[in-house]
C-alpha cells in the first residue's frame, strides 16, 4: 500500500471508531511496525485538517491515542443535532467525585453523597464512564478511558485529578 492509501485508511478508521485509537491499533490497521511512519501520517492528516479549517480536527487524546473530533466553534451551531448524554446534577457531582478521587469506595461515596448515589453509579457504569470492581464488602470505583475521551481529559487516569484542579483555577 502507498502512503495515500494508508492515510485514507487511518482517516476512515478514526472517523468510524467510537473511541480514540491507539498507535498500536493504527499500525496494525495499515500493516506496519513503524511508529515513525504512522506518526508522520497522523501529523500530515492533522496539518491537513488544520489547513482546511473545517468542522473536524484530529487530536491526540492521551499518550499515543488519537481521535477525530468536532472543532469547538461548530458545537453551538449543531446544538439540536448532536446527541446529548443527560446526567442529573447529582449524577454529575457523583461523577466528579469519582474522577477527582480515582479508586473511591462505593461506601465512602454513599457516606458523602447519600443513598441516591447508587442510582448515579448504575447510570454512570451503564454509560461506560465508570468501572466498578469488588473490594471486600463494597466496590471500588474509578473513571474509564471513555470518560477521559468524552470529557477531553488526558488518557492517564492518574493525571485526571491534576487536570480537574487546573481547570477549576
Protein backbone atom coordinates (compact mmCIF):
# COMPACT_ATOMS: atom_id res chain seq x y z
CA UNK A 1 0.00 0.00 0.00
CA UNK A 2 1.08 3.56 -0.61
CA UNK A 3 1.10 6.48 1.76
CA UNK A 4 -2.13 7.92 0.26
CA UNK A 5 -4.00 4.67 0.84
CA UNK A 6 -2.58 4.34 4.37
CA UNK A 7 -3.64 7.92 5.10
CA UNK A 8 -7.15 7.17 3.81
CA UNK A 9 -7.42 4.01 5.93
CA UNK A 10 -6.28 5.84 9.06
CA UNK A 11 -8.69 8.71 8.42
CA UNK A 12 -11.58 6.30 7.83
CA UNK A 13 -10.75 4.33 10.98
CA UNK A 14 -10.58 7.47 13.12
CA UNK A 15 -13.90 8.64 11.69
CA UNK A 16 -15.66 5.30 12.16
CA UNK A 17 -14.30 4.41 15.61
CA UNK A 18 -16.49 5.15 18.61
CA UNK A 19 -13.39 5.75 20.73
CA UNK A 20 -9.83 7.01 20.32
CA UNK A 21 -7.48 4.60 18.54
CA UNK A 22 -4.05 3.73 19.89
CA UNK A 23 -0.89 3.98 17.85
CA UNK A 24 -0.60 0.18 18.05
CA UNK A 25 -4.11 -0.27 16.61
CA UNK A 26 -3.36 2.14 13.77
CA UNK A 27 -0.08 0.36 12.96
CA UNK A 28 -1.95 -2.94 12.81
CA UNK A 29 -4.65 -1.47 10.54
CA UNK A 30 -2.17 -0.47 7.86
CA UNK A 31 0.14 -3.41 8.41
CA UNK A 32 3.30 -1.65 9.54
CA UNK A 33 5.58 -1.88 12.53
CA UNK A 34 7.00 1.62 12.05
CA UNK A 35 5.82 4.11 14.67
CA UNK A 36 7.70 6.86 12.84
CA UNK A 37 5.76 6.19 9.62
CA UNK A 38 2.38 6.21 11.41
CA UNK A 39 3.25 9.36 13.38
CA UNK A 40 4.20 11.11 10.12
CA UNK A 41 0.88 10.17 8.52
CA UNK A 42 -1.03 11.32 11.61
CA UNK A 43 0.89 14.60 11.63
CA UNK A 44 0.18 15.11 7.89
CA UNK A 45 -3.50 14.37 8.47
CA UNK A 46 -3.61 16.77 11.44
CA UNK A 47 -1.98 19.54 9.35
CA UNK A 48 -4.44 18.89 6.52
CA UNK A 49 -7.44 19.27 8.85
CA UNK A 50 -5.99 22.44 10.38
CA UNK A 51 -5.30 23.94 6.93
CA UNK A 52 -8.84 23.19 5.75
CA UNK A 53 -10.35 24.89 8.78
CA UNK A 54 -13.37 22.62 8.55
CA UNK A 55 -15.57 21.16 11.26
CA UNK A 56 -13.26 18.27 12.16
CA UNK A 57 -9.86 18.14 13.80
CA UNK A 58 -7.53 15.29 14.66
CA UNK A 59 -6.50 15.33 18.30
CA UNK A 60 -4.21 13.29 20.49
CA UNK A 61 -6.41 12.37 23.45
CA UNK A 62 -3.68 10.82 25.53
CA UNK A 63 -0.32 9.19 25.15
CA UNK A 64 -0.37 7.69 21.66
CA UNK A 65 -4.18 7.74 21.27
CA UNK A 66 -5.93 9.70 18.53
CA UNK A 67 -9.46 10.62 17.52
CA UNK A 68 -11.37 12.87 15.14
CA UNK A 69 -13.44 15.47 16.95
CA UNK A 70 -15.63 18.45 16.12
CA UNK A 71 -13.89 21.80 16.27
CA UNK A 72 -15.18 23.74 19.27
CA UNK A 73 -16.71 26.57 17.20
CA UNK A 74 -19.09 24.15 15.46
CA UNK A 75 -20.58 22.66 18.62
CA UNK A 76 -23.01 25.53 19.41
CA UNK A 77 -24.21 25.56 15.79
CA UNK A 78 -25.05 21.85 15.93
CA UNK A 79 -26.91 22.03 19.24
CA UNK A 80 -30.05 20.23 18.05
CA UNK A 81 -28.22 17.58 16.04
CA UNK A 82 -25.58 16.28 18.46
CA UNK A 83 -27.00 13.62 20.79
CA UNK A 84 -26.56 14.59 24.40
CA UNK A 85 -25.95 12.41 27.36
CA UNK A 86 -28.34 13.60 30.02
CA UNK A 87 -26.98 13.48 33.53
CA UNK A 88 -28.72 14.91 36.56
CA UNK A 89 -26.87 17.42 38.70
CA UNK A 90 -26.50 14.69 41.34
CA UNK A 91 -25.01 12.23 38.83
CA UNK A 92 -22.57 14.90 37.64
CA UNK A 93 -21.47 15.58 41.23
CA UNK A 94 -21.04 11.84 41.81
CA UNK A 95 -19.00 11.51 38.61
CA UNK A 96 -16.87 14.50 39.62
CA UNK A 97 -16.10 12.91 43.00
CA UNK A 98 -15.16 9.61 41.36
CA UNK A 99 -12.98 11.38 38.79
CA UNK A 100 -11.27 13.52 41.40
CA UNK A 101 -10.61 10.69 43.84
CA UNK A 102 -9.99 7.75 41.43
CA UNK A 103 -10.45 4.46 43.29
CA UNK A 104 -13.01 5.68 45.79
CA UNK A 105 -15.09 3.08 47.58
CA UNK A 106 -18.81 2.98 46.90
CA UNK A 107 -19.40 3.02 50.69
CA UNK A 108 -17.35 6.21 51.11
CA UNK A 109 -19.19 7.83 48.21
CA UNK A 110 -22.58 6.91 49.73
CA UNK A 111 -21.41 8.29 53.07
CA UNK A 112 -20.51 11.62 51.44
CA UNK A 113 -23.35 11.91 48.92
CA UNK A 114 -26.23 9.86 50.34
CA UNK A 115 -28.10 6.77 49.14
CA UNK A 116 -29.12 8.26 45.76
CA UNK A 117 -25.50 7.71 44.78
CA UNK A 118 -26.29 4.05 43.98
CA UNK A 119 -28.65 5.14 41.16
CA UNK A 120 -25.99 7.53 39.86
CA UNK A 121 -23.35 4.80 39.90
CA UNK A 122 -25.58 2.41 37.94
CA UNK A 123 -26.21 5.10 35.32
CA UNK A 124 -22.52 6.05 35.08
CA UNK A 125 -21.48 2.40 34.71
CA UNK A 126 -24.12 1.80 32.01
CA UNK A 127 -22.83 4.85 30.10
CA UNK A 128 -19.31 3.46 30.34
CA UNK A 129 -17.91 6.44 32.31
CA UNK A 130 -17.20 4.47 35.50
CA UNK A 131 -15.93 0.98 36.21
CA UNK A 132 -16.55 -0.93 39.40
CA UNK A 133 -14.66 -3.81 40.97
CA UNK A 134 -15.30 -5.77 44.17
CA UNK A 135 -13.38 -4.69 47.23
CA UNK A 136 -14.32 -6.55 50.39
CA UNK A 137 -17.98 -5.84 51.14
CA UNK A 138 -18.08 -2.74 48.95
CA UNK A 139 -16.88 -1.81 45.47
CA UNK A 140 -14.08 0.44 44.24
CA UNK A 141 -14.99 2.98 41.57
CA UNK A 142 -12.84 4.79 39.03
CA UNK A 143 -13.37 6.50 35.71
CA UNK A 144 -12.77 4.79 32.37
CA UNK A 145 -10.93 5.70 29.20
CA UNK A 146 -14.32 6.53 27.68
CA UNK A 147 -14.82 9.13 30.42
CA UNK A 148 -11.39 10.64 29.67
CA UNK A 149 -12.08 10.72 25.95
CA UNK A 150 -15.64 12.09 26.23
CA UNK A 151 -14.72 14.91 28.59
CA UNK A 152 -11.40 15.70 26.88
CA UNK A 153 -9.09 14.59 29.67
CA UNK A 154 -5.71 13.03 29.12
CA UNK A 155 -5.94 9.25 28.95
CA UNK A 156 -3.76 8.80 32.05
CA UNK A 157 -6.24 8.23 34.87
CA UNK A 158 -3.75 9.40 37.49
CA UNK A 159 -3.45 12.82 35.84
CA UNK A 160 -7.20 13.48 35.82
CA UNK A 161 -7.10 14.91 39.37
CA UNK A 162 -4.37 17.36 38.33
CA UNK A 163 -6.31 18.35 35.22
CA UNK A 164 -9.51 18.92 37.22
CA UNK A 165 -7.61 21.15 39.66
CA UNK A 166 -6.06 23.09 36.76
CA UNK A 167 -9.43 23.58 35.02
CA UNK A 168 -11.06 24.83 38.22
CA UNK A 169 -8.50 27.60 38.73
